[in-house]
Amino acid sequence: MASRDVTEPHQRGIPPTLIGAVVLAAIVLIFVFQNTHRVPIHFLWFETDAQLWFMLLLTAAVAIGSAELFTMYLRRRRGGDDH
């Protein structure tokens, strides 16, 4: 049985998602290298020094995760999600 080429002619280049991922990775690396200094962190009774880039990325990850959980909650409450 002969193998067939499943790629179409218009799909034979660098995928746009790969280009976007590389650009996003470059932006994140620039962000990290520009924010390497340490800053004091105070939360309730907890105090420490941490690198600024880490704290900003951690805050963004927590915010995105919270938004996703809240969206999942709303979908289940409205009955739009069968999982």
PDB file of N, CA and C in Angstrom:
ATOM      1  N   MET A   1       0.852  -1.163   0.000  1.00  0.00           N
ATOM      2  CA  MET A   1       0.000   0.000   0.000  1.00  0.00           C
ATOM      3  C   MET A   1       0.903   1.234   0.000  1.00  0.00           C
ATOM      4  N   ALA A   2       0.672   2.121  -0.884  1.00  0.00           N
ATOM      5  CA  ALA A   2       1.499   3.313  -1.014  1.00  0.00           C
ATOM      6  C   ALA A   2       1.075   4.358   0.017  1.00  0.00           C
ATOM      7  N   SER A   3       2.063   5.030   0.564  1.00  0.00           N
ATOM      8  CA  SER A   3       1.717   6.091   1.507  1.00  0.00           C
ATOM      9  C   SER A   3       1.300   7.331   0.730  1.00  0.00           C
ATOM     10  N   ARG A   4       0.373   8.020   1.279  1.00  0.00           N
ATOM     11  CA  ARG A   4      -0.077   9.221   0.587  1.00  0.00           C
ATOM     12  C   ARG A   4       0.302  10.454   1.391  1.00  0.00           C
ATOM     13  N   ASP A   5       0.522  11.524   0.690  1.00  0.00           N
ATOM     14  CA  ASP A   5       0.902  12.779   1.312  1.00  0.00           C
ATOM     15  C   ASP A   5      -0.364  13.486   1.775  1.00  0.00           C
ATOM     16  N   VAL A   6      -0.504  13.638   3.091  1.00  0.00           N
ATOM     17  CA  VAL A   6      -1.723  14.244   3.632  1.00  0.00           C
ATOM     18  C   VAL A   6      -1.613  15.758   3.775  1.00  0.00           C
ATOM     19  N   THR A   7      -0.433  16.309   3.498  1.00  0.00           N
ATOM     20  CA  THR A   7      -0.298  17.758   3.590  1.00  0.00           C
ATOM     21  C   THR A   7      -0.781  18.392   2.303  1.00  0.00           C
ATOM     22  N   GLU A   8      -1.441  19.480   2.451  1.00  0.00           N
ATOM     23  CA  GLU A   8      -1.908  20.214   1.286  1.00  0.00           C
ATOM     24  C   GLU A   8      -0.852  21.243   0.914  1.00  0.00           C
ATOM     25  N   PRO A   9      -0.823  21.678  -0.324  1.00  0.00           N
ATOM     26  CA  PRO A   9       0.222  22.603  -0.768  1.00  0.00           C
ATOM     27  C   PRO A   9       0.273  23.903   0.033  1.00  0.00           C
ATOM     28  N   HIS A  10      -0.855  24.420   0.491  1.00  0.00           N
ATOM     29  CA  HIS A  10      -0.839  25.685   1.226  1.00  0.00           C
ATOM     30  C   HIS A  10      -0.400  25.515   2.682  1.00  0.00           C
ATOM     31  N   GLN A  11      -0.178  24.299   3.129  1.00  0.00           N
ATOM     32  CA  GLN A  11       0.239  24.048   4.505  1.00  0.00           C
ATOM     33  C   GLN A  11       1.720  23.711   4.617  1.00  0.00           C
ATOM     34  N   ARG A  12       2.493  23.914   3.582  1.00  0.00           N
ATOM     35  CA  ARG A  12       3.892  23.495   3.594  1.00  0.00           C
ATOM     36  C   ARG A  12       4.833  24.605   4.014  1.00  0.00           C
ATOM     37  N   GLY A  13       4.639  25.340   4.932  1.00  0.00           N
ATOM     38  CA  GLY A  13       5.576  26.357   5.387  1.00  0.00           C
ATOM     39  C   GLY A  13       5.662  26.301   6.892  1.00  0.00           C
ATOM     40  N   ILE A  14       6.149  27.364   7.425  1.00  0.00           N
ATOM     41  CA  ILE A  14       6.196  27.453   8.877  1.00  0.00           C
ATOM     42  C   ILE A  14       4.796  27.812   9.360  1.00  0.00           C
ATOM     43  N   PRO A  15       4.240  27.011  10.255  1.00  0.00           N
ATOM     44  CA  PRO A  15       2.880  27.308  10.738  1.00  0.00           C
ATOM     45  C   PRO A  15       2.829  28.633  11.510  1.00  0.00           C
ATOM     46  N   PRO A  16       1.770  29.397  11.318  1.00  0.00           N
ATOM     47  CA  PRO A  16       1.644  30.666  12.042  1.00  0.00           C
ATOM     48  C   PRO A  16       1.674  30.497  13.558  1.00  0.00           C
ATOM     49  N   THR A  17       1.165  29.373  14.063  1.00  0.00           N
ATOM     50  CA  THR A  17       1.193  29.159  15.515  1.00  0.00           C
ATOM     51  C   THR A  17       2.626  29.011  16.022  1.00  0.00           C
ATOM     52  N   LEU A  18       3.489  28.408  15.220  1.00  0.00           N
ATOM     53  CA  LEU A  18       4.899  28.281  15.599  1.00  0.00           C
ATOM     54  C   LEU A  18       5.563  29.652  15.625  1.00  0.00           C
ATOM     55  N   ILE A  19       5.265  30.477  14.651  1.00  0.00           N
ATOM     56  CA  ILE A  19       5.814  31.832  14.613  1.00  0.00           C
ATOM     57  C   ILE A  19       5.338  32.613  15.841  1.00  0.00           C
ATOM     58  N   GLY A  20       4.057  32.494  16.151  1.00  0.00           N
ATOM     59  CA  GLY A  20       3.516  33.173  17.328  1.00  0.00           C
ATOM     60  C   GLY A  20       4.164  32.693  18.613  1.00  0.00           C
ATOM     61  N   ALA A  21       4.392  31.389  18.719  1.00  0.00           N
ATOM     62  CA  ALA A  21       5.022  30.828  19.916  1.00  0.00           C
ATOM     63  C   ALA A  21       6.455  31.327  20.065  1.00  0.00           C
ATOM     64  N   VAL A  22       7.186  31.415  18.974  1.00  0.00           N
ATOM     65  CA  VAL A  22       8.569  31.900  19.026  1.00  0.00           C
ATOM     66  C   VAL A  22       8.600  33.379  19.418  1.00  0.00           C
ATOM     67  N   VAL A  23       7.685  34.170  18.853  1.00  0.00           N
ATOM     68  CA  VAL A  23       7.623  35.595  19.203  1.00  0.00           C
ATOM     69  C   VAL A  23       7.260  35.756  20.678  1.00  0.00           C
ATOM     70  N   LEU A  24       6.284  34.994  21.151  1.00  0.00           N
ATOM     71  CA  LEU A  24       5.890  35.064  22.555  1.00  0.00           C
ATOM     72  C   LEU A  24       7.042  34.648  23.470  1.00  0.00           C
ATOM     73  N   ALA A  25       7.756  33.597  23.118  1.00  0.00           N
ATOM     74  CA  ALA A  25       8.906  33.156  23.917  1.00  0.00           C
ATOM     75  C   ALA A  25       9.985  34.232  23.958  1.00  0.00           C
ATOM     76  N   ALA A  26      10.215  34.908  22.836  1.00  0.00           N
ATOM     77  CA  ALA A  26      11.209  35.989  22.804  1.00  0.00           C
ATOM     78  C   ALA A  26      10.785  37.140  23.712  1.00  0.00           C
ATOM     79  N   ILE A  27       9.493  37.478  23.687  1.00  0.00           N
ATOM     80  CA  ILE A  27       8.987  38.555  24.544  1.00  0.00           C
ATOM     81  C   ILE A  27       9.152  38.190  26.011  1.00  0.00           C
ATOM     82  N   VAL A  28       8.841  36.947  26.365  1.00  0.00           N
ATOM     83  CA  VAL A  28       8.989  36.505  27.752  1.00  0.00           C
ATOM     84  C   VAL A  28      10.456  36.547  28.176  1.00  0.00           C
ATOM     85  N   LEU A  29      11.374  36.121  27.312  1.00  0.00           N
ATOM     86  CA  LEU A  29      12.799  36.160  27.646  1.00  0.00           C
ATOM     87  C   LEU A  29      13.283  37.592  27.848  1.00  0.00           C
ATOM     88  N   ILE A  30      12.858  38.505  26.991  1.00  0.00           N
ATOM     89  CA  ILE A  30      13.226  39.911  27.158  1.00  0.00           C
ATOM     90  C   ILE A  30      12.698  40.423  28.493  1.00  0.00           C
ATOM     91  N   PHE A  31      11.463  40.092  28.807  1.00  0.00           N
ATOM     92  CA  PHE A  31      10.853  40.495  30.080  1.00  0.00           C
ATOM     93  C   PHE A  31      11.666  39.983  31.258  1.00  0.00           C
ATOM     94  N   VAL A  32      12.044  38.722  31.215  1.00  0.00           N
ATOM     95  CA  VAL A  32      12.808  38.118  32.312  1.00  0.00           C
ATOM     96  C   VAL A  32      14.161  38.799  32.464  1.00  0.00           C
ATOM     97  N   PHE A  33      14.876  39.016  31.372  1.00  0.00           N
ATOM     98  CA  PHE A  33      16.206  39.612  31.460  1.00  0.00           C
ATOM     99  C   PHE A  33      16.176  41.076  31.881  1.00  0.00           C
ATOM    100  N   GLN A  34      15.073  41.771  31.643  1.00  0.00           N
ATOM    101  CA  GLN A  34      14.978  43.168  32.056  1.00  0.00           C
ATOM    102  C   GLN A  34      14.501  43.317  33.502  1.00  0.00           C
ATOM    103  N   ASN A  35      14.033  42.255  34.125  1.00  0.00           N
ATOM    104  CA  ASN A  35      13.488  42.329  35.480  1.00  0.00           C
ATOM    105  C   ASN A  35      14.142  41.305  36.406  1.00  0.00           C
ATOM    106  N   THR A  36      15.457  41.342  36.479  1.00  0.00           N
ATOM    107  CA  THR A  36      16.177  40.342  37.274  1.00  0.00           C
ATOM    108  C   THR A  36      16.447  40.778  38.705  1.00  0.00           C
ATOM    109  N   HIS A  37      16.160  42.031  39.044  1.00  0.00           N
ATOM    110  CA  HIS A  37      16.457  42.471  40.405  1.00  0.00           C
ATOM    111  C   HIS A  37      15.453  41.882  41.401  1.00  0.00           C
ATOM    112  N   ARG A  38      15.865  41.866  42.642  1.00  0.00           N
ATOM    113  CA  ARG A  38      15.040  41.291  43.706  1.00  0.00           C
ATOM    114  C   ARG A  38      14.219  42.397  44.360  1.00  0.00           C
ATOM    115  N   VAL A  39      13.014  42.033  44.760  1.00  0.00           N
ATOM    116  CA  VAL A  39      12.118  42.985  45.419  1.00  0.00           C
ATOM    117  C   VAL A  39      11.558  42.331  46.683  1.00  0.00           C
ATOM    118  N   PRO A  40      11.243  43.145  47.699  1.00  0.00           N
ATOM    119  CA  PRO A  40      10.634  42.573  48.911  1.00  0.00           C
ATOM    120  C   PRO A  40       9.166  42.237  48.654  1.00  0.00           C
ATOM    121  N   ILE A  41       8.736  41.106  49.155  1.00  0.00           N
ATOM    122  CA  ILE A  41       7.357  40.659  49.017  1.00  0.00           C
ATOM    123  C   ILE A  41       6.775  40.537  50.425  1.00  0.00           C
ATOM    124  N   HIS A  42       5.604  41.156  50.632  1.00  0.00           N
ATOM    125  CA  HIS A  42       4.908  41.084  51.920  1.00  0.00           C
ATOM    126  C   HIS A  42       3.488  40.594  51.653  1.00  0.00           C
ATOM    127  N   PHE A  43       3.130  39.462  52.257  1.00  0.00           N
ATOM    128  CA  PHE A  43       1.785  38.920  52.127  1.00  0.00           C
ATOM    129  C   PHE A  43       1.370  38.349  53.476  1.00  0.00           C
ATOM    130  N   LEU A  44       0.385  38.983  54.081  1.00  0.00           N
ATOM    131  CA  LEU A  44      -0.076  38.626  55.420  1.00  0.00           C
ATOM    132  C   LEU A  44       1.114  38.621  56.377  1.00  0.00           C
ATOM    133  N   TRP A  45       1.467  37.489  56.942  1.00  0.00           N
ATOM    134  CA  TRP A  45       2.606  37.422  57.857  1.00  0.00           C
ATOM    135  C   TRP A  45       3.875  36.945  57.155  1.00  0.00           C
ATOM    136  N   PHE A  46       3.796  36.680  55.876  1.00  0.00           N
ATOM    137  CA  PHE A  46       4.899  36.143  55.099  1.00  0.00           C
ATOM    138  C   PHE A  46       5.696  37.277  54.458  1.00  0.00           C
ATOM    139  N   GLU A  47       7.018  37.267  54.637  1.00  0.00           N
ATOM    140  CA  GLU A  47       7.900  38.259  54.031  1.00  0.00           C
ATOM    141  C   GLU A  47       9.109  37.560  53.436  1.00  0.00           C
ATOM    142  N   THR A  48       9.462  37.985  52.221  1.00  0.00           N
ATOM    143  CA  THR A  48      10.636  37.422  51.562  1.00  0.00           C
ATOM    144  C   THR A  48      11.104  38.373  50.478  1.00  0.00           C
ATOM    145  N   ASP A  49      12.244  38.077  49.906  1.00  0.00           N
ATOM    146  CA  ASP A  49      12.729  38.773  48.717  1.00  0.00           C
ATOM    147  C   ASP A  49      12.650  37.789  47.563  1.00  0.00           C
ATOM    148  N   ALA A  50      12.163  38.258  46.424  1.00  0.00           N
ATOM    149  CA  ALA A  50      12.050  37.397  45.251  1.00  0.00           C
ATOM    150  C   ALA A  50      12.383  38.203  44.009  1.00  0.00           C
ATOM    151  N   GLN A  51      12.726  37.508  42.959  1.00  0.00           N
ATOM    152  CA  GLN A  51      12.998  38.194  41.703  1.00  0.00           C
ATOM    153  C   GLN A  51      11.689  38.724  41.130  1.00  0.00           C
ATOM    154  N   LEU A  52      11.745  39.938  40.618  1.00  0.00           N
ATOM    155  CA  LEU A  52      10.555  40.614  40.125  1.00  0.00           C
ATOM    156  C   LEU A  52       9.881  39.835  38.999  1.00  0.00           C
ATOM    157  N   TRP A  53      10.653  39.324  38.053  1.00  0.00           N
ATOM    158  CA  TRP A  53      10.056  38.611  36.929  1.00  0.00           C
ATOM    159  C   TRP A  53       9.281  37.392  37.402  1.00  0.00           C
ATOM    160  N   PHE A  54       9.814  36.698  38.397  1.00  0.00           N
ATOM    161  CA  PHE A  54       9.133  35.504  38.901  1.00  0.00           C
ATOM    162  C   PHE A  54       7.802  35.861  39.555  1.00  0.00           C
ATOM    163  N   MET A  55       7.812  36.911  40.347  1.00  0.00           N
ATOM    164  CA  MET A  55       6.581  37.309  41.035  1.00  0.00           C
ATOM    165  C   MET A  55       5.519  37.794  40.043  1.00  0.00           C
ATOM    166  N   LEU A  56       5.924  38.523  39.011  1.00  0.00           N
ATOM    167  CA  LEU A  56       4.960  38.989  38.026  1.00  0.00           C
ATOM    168  C   LEU A  56       4.372  37.825  37.223  1.00  0.00           C
ATOM    169  N   LEU A  57       5.224  36.879  36.826  1.00  0.00           N
ATOM    170  CA  LEU A  57       4.718  35.712  36.092  1.00  0.00           C
ATOM    171  C   LEU A  57       3.843  34.841  36.990  1.00  0.00           C
ATOM    172  N   LEU A  58       4.208  34.706  38.253  1.00  0.00           N
ATOM    173  CA  LEU A  58       3.396  33.935  39.184  1.00  0.00           C
ATOM    174  C   LEU A  58       2.025  34.595  39.374  1.00  0.00           C
ATOM    175  N   THR A  59       2.025  35.910  39.516  1.00  0.00           N
ATOM    176  CA  THR A  59       0.769  36.642  39.660  1.00  0.00           C
ATOM    177  C   THR A  59      -0.104  36.475  38.423  1.00  0.00           C
ATOM    178  N   ALA A  60       0.503  36.567  37.241  1.00  0.00           N
ATOM    179  CA  ALA A  60      -0.257  36.387  35.999  1.00  0.00           C
ATOM    180  C   ALA A  60      -0.822  34.973  35.908  1.00  0.00           C
ATOM    181  N   ALA A  61      -0.038  33.971  36.285  1.00  0.00           N
ATOM    182  CA  ALA A  61      -0.506  32.583  36.230  1.00  0.00           C
ATOM    183  C   ALA A  61      -1.668  32.360  37.190  1.00  0.00           C
ATOM    184  N   VAL A  62      -1.582  32.922  38.385  1.00  0.00           N
ATOM    185  CA  VAL A  62      -2.671  32.792  39.364  1.00  0.00           C
ATOM    186  C   VAL A  62      -3.924  33.492  38.850  1.00  0.00           C
ATOM    187  N   ALA A  63      -3.757  34.658  38.250  1.00  0.00           N
ATOM    188  CA  ALA A  63      -4.910  35.385  37.717  1.00  0.00           C
ATOM    189  C   ALA A  63      -5.576  34.617  36.578  1.00  0.00           C
ATOM    190  N   ILE A  64      -4.782  34.061  35.675  1.00  0.00           N
ATOM    191  CA  ILE A  64      -5.336  33.290  34.562  1.00  0.00           C
ATOM    192  C   ILE A  64      -6.019  32.032  35.083  1.00  0.00           C
ATOM    193  N   GLY A  65      -5.380  31.352  36.026  1.00  0.00           N
ATOM    194  CA  GLY A  65      -5.981  30.152  36.611  1.00  0.00           C
ATOM    195  C   GLY A  65      -7.288  30.455  37.321  1.00  0.00           C
ATOM    196  N   SER A  66      -7.327  31.557  38.054  1.00  0.00           N
ATOM    197  CA  SER A  66      -8.560  31.951  38.748  1.00  0.00           C
ATOM    198  C   SER A  66      -9.668  32.266  37.751  1.00  0.00           C
ATOM    199  N   ALA A  67      -9.332  32.957  36.691  1.00  0.00           N
ATOM    200  CA  ALA A  67     -10.333  33.279  35.668  1.00  0.00           C
ATOM    201  C   ALA A  67     -10.868  32.016  35.001  1.00  0.00           C
ATOM    202  N   GLU A  68      -9.987  31.062  34.737  1.00  0.00           N
ATOM    203  CA  GLU A  68     -10.424  29.797  34.139  1.00  0.00           C
ATOM    204  C   GLU A  68     -11.348  29.029  35.075  1.00  0.00           C
ATOM    205  N   LEU A  69     -10.990  28.954  36.347  1.00  0.00           N
ATOM    206  CA  LEU A  69     -11.833  28.256  37.319  1.00  0.00           C
ATOM    207  C   LEU A  69     -13.193  28.932  37.462  1.00  0.00           C
ATOM    208  N   PHE A  70     -13.209  30.260  37.490  1.00  0.00           N
ATOM    209  CA  PHE A  70     -14.466  30.989  37.594  1.00  0.00           C
ATOM    210  C   PHE A  70     -15.331  30.758  36.356  1.00  0.00           C
ATOM    211  N   THR A  71     -14.703  30.734  35.180  1.00  0.00           N
ATOM    212  CA  THR A  71     -15.434  30.465  33.935  1.00  0.00           C
ATOM    213  C   THR A  71     -16.012  29.058  33.946  1.00  0.00           C
ATOM    214  N   MET A  72     -15.228  28.086  34.408  1.00  0.00           N
ATOM    215  CA  MET A  72     -15.731  26.716  34.499  1.00  0.00           C
ATOM    216  C   MET A  72     -16.914  26.642  35.456  1.00  0.00           C
ATOM    217  N   TYR A  73     -16.820  27.336  36.574  1.00  0.00           N
ATOM    218  CA  TYR A  73     -17.914  27.368  37.551  1.00  0.00           C
ATOM    219  C   TYR A  73     -19.180  27.939  36.921  1.00  0.00           C
ATOM    220  N   LEU A  74     -19.046  29.051  36.213  1.00  0.00           N
ATOM    221  CA  LEU A  74     -20.222  29.663  35.587  1.00  0.00           C
ATOM    222  C   LEU A  74     -20.845  28.756  34.533  1.00  0.00           C
ATOM    223  N   ARG A  75     -20.002  28.085  33.741  1.00  0.00           N
ATOM    224  CA  ARG A  75     -20.530  27.178  32.713  1.00  0.00           C
ATOM    225  C   ARG A  75     -21.288  26.017  33.340  1.00  0.00           C
ATOM    226  N   ARG A  76     -20.747  25.445  34.392  1.00  0.00           N
ATOM    227  CA  ARG A  76     -21.427  24.324  35.051  1.00  0.00           C
ATOM    228  C   ARG A  76     -22.712  24.778  35.719  1.00  0.00           C
ATOM    229  N   ARG A  77     -22.685  25.962  36.279  1.00  0.00           N
ATOM    230  CA  ARG A  77     -23.875  26.487  36.952  1.00  0.00           C
ATOM    231  C   ARG A  77     -25.000  26.745  35.960  1.00  0.00           C
ATOM    232  N   ARG A  78     -24.638  27.192  34.761  1.00  0.00           N
ATOM    233  CA  ARG A  78     -25.636  27.456  33.723  1.00  0.00           C
ATOM    234  C   ARG A  78     -26.005  26.199  32.941  1.00  0.00           C
ATOM    235  N   GLY A  79     -25.300  25.117  33.192  1.00  0.00           N
ATOM    236  CA  GLY A  79     -25.606  23.867  32.497  1.00  0.00           C
ATOM    237  C   GLY A  79     -25.029  23.772  31.103  1.00  0.00           C
ATOM    238  N   GLY A  80     -24.108  24.609  30.757  1.00  0.00           N
ATOM    239  CA  GLY A  80     -23.527  24.599  29.425  1.00  0.00           C
ATOM    240  C   GLY A  80     -22.383  23.625  29.269  1.00  0.00           C
ATOM    241  N   ASP A  81     -21.907  23.042  30.339  1.00  0.00           N
ATOM    242  CA  ASP A  81     -20.776  22.111  30.286  1.00  0.00           C
ATOM    243  C   ASP A  81     -21.218  20.760  30.820  1.00  0.00           C
ATOM    244  N   ASP A  82     -21.084  19.729  30.002  1.00  0.00           N
ATOM    245  CA  ASP A  82     -21.555  18.403  30.382  1.00  0.00           C
ATOM    246  C   ASP A  82     -20.481  17.538  31.029  1.00  0.00           C
ATOM    247  N   HIS A  83     -19.331  18.071  31.372  1.00  0.00           N
ATOM    248  CA  HIS A  83     -18.240  17.277  31.930  1.00  0.00           C
ATOM    249  C   HIS A  83     -18.385  17.076  33.404  1.00  0.00           C
TER     250      HIS A  83
END
